[in-house]
Amino acid sequence: MTNINDGGPAFPMPTDPLGMGRELGMSLRAWFVGMTLSGMVSRELDQKNLKIEARIRAAVEIAFGVADAALKKLKKD
């Protein structure tokens, strides 16, 4: 199985308030994906010839690509 860089927590907390021994919330990668999808949906993907399922799959693939590229760039800087 491939280890995917999730960027760590998107909104880290300085302490573990619930005493669970782990970070709470979504990963930075998941946040990037959500933000990308939000922007894409607001523009209603300009692919009118695709069925909705294909449009959703295309949007998700693009969103994960954007998230992974952003994490890669952050790691370099």
Protein backbone atom coordinates (compact mmCIF):
# COMPACT_ATOMS: atom_id res chain seq x y z
CA MET A 1 0.00 0.00 0.00
CA THR A 2 1.26 3.47 -0.87
CA ASN A 3 1.75 6.00 1.89
CA ILE A 4 0.06 9.22 0.80
CA ASN A 5 1.29 12.49 2.22
CA ASP A 6 -1.84 13.94 3.82
CA GLY A 7 -0.01 17.06 5.02
CA GLY A 8 -0.93 16.48 8.65
CA PRO A 9 -3.88 18.17 10.32
CA ALA A 10 -5.50 21.09 8.47
CA PHE A 11 -6.32 22.92 11.70
CA PRO A 12 -3.99 21.52 14.37
CA MET A 13 -4.65 22.12 18.02
CA PRO A 14 -1.76 22.77 20.41
CA THR A 15 -3.01 20.09 22.81
CA ASP A 16 -5.16 16.97 22.71
CA PRO A 17 -8.33 18.31 24.41
CA LEU A 18 -10.08 14.94 24.54
CA GLY A 19 -7.05 12.94 25.67
CA MET A 20 -7.30 10.63 22.68
CA GLY A 21 -3.60 10.72 21.82
CA ARG A 22 -4.19 11.80 18.25
CA GLU A 23 -4.89 14.89 16.18
CA LEU A 24 -8.52 15.74 15.65
CA GLY A 25 -10.15 16.88 12.43
CA MET A 26 -9.39 16.52 8.76
CA SER A 27 -6.03 16.32 7.07
CA LEU A 28 -4.59 19.19 5.07
CA ARG A 29 -4.97 17.01 1.94
CA ALA A 30 -8.67 16.51 2.62
CA TRP A 31 -9.11 20.24 3.15
CA PHE A 32 -7.34 21.03 -0.14
CA VAL A 33 -9.59 18.50 -1.93
CA GLY A 34 -12.72 20.02 -0.39
CA MET A 35 -11.72 23.55 -1.29
CA THR A 36 -10.91 22.52 -4.85
CA LEU A 37 -14.20 20.67 -5.27
CA SER A 38 -16.07 23.64 -3.86
CA GLY A 39 -14.57 25.91 -6.48
CA MET A 40 -15.20 23.43 -9.26
CA VAL A 41 -18.82 22.88 -8.31
CA SER A 42 -19.40 26.60 -8.15
CA ARG A 43 -18.23 26.80 -11.76
CA GLU A 44 -20.34 23.74 -12.69
CA LEU A 45 -17.63 21.93 -14.61
CA ASP A 46 -17.72 22.98 -18.21
CA GLN A 47 -18.15 19.39 -19.42
CA LYS A 48 -21.81 19.34 -20.44
CA ASN A 49 -21.38 16.25 -22.60
CA LEU A 50 -20.52 14.01 -19.63
CA LYS A 51 -23.07 12.28 -17.43
CA ILE A 52 -23.19 13.47 -13.83
CA GLU A 53 -21.31 10.40 -12.52
CA ALA A 54 -18.48 10.97 -14.98
CA ARG A 55 -18.41 14.68 -14.09
CA ILE A 56 -18.15 13.84 -10.40
CA ARG A 57 -15.35 11.33 -11.02
CA ALA A 58 -13.49 13.87 -13.15
CA ALA A 59 -13.89 16.55 -10.49
CA VAL A 60 -12.62 14.25 -7.73
CA GLU A 61 -9.58 13.20 -9.79
CA ILE A 62 -8.73 16.83 -10.49
CA ALA A 63 -9.27 17.83 -6.84
CA PHE A 64 -6.94 15.11 -5.54
CA GLY A 65 -4.37 16.09 -8.17
CA VAL A 66 -4.53 19.71 -7.00
CA ALA A 67 -4.25 18.67 -3.35
CA ASP A 68 -1.27 16.39 -3.99
CA ALA A 69 0.49 19.09 -6.04
CA ALA A 70 -0.09 21.65 -3.29
CA LEU A 71 1.31 19.30 -0.63
CA LYS A 72 4.34 18.55 -2.81
CA LYS A 73 4.99 22.27 -3.26
CA LEU A 74 4.59 22.92 0.48
CA LYS A 75 7.10 20.15 1.23
CA LYS A 76 9.67 21.76 -1.13
CA ASP A 77 9.29 25.19 0.48
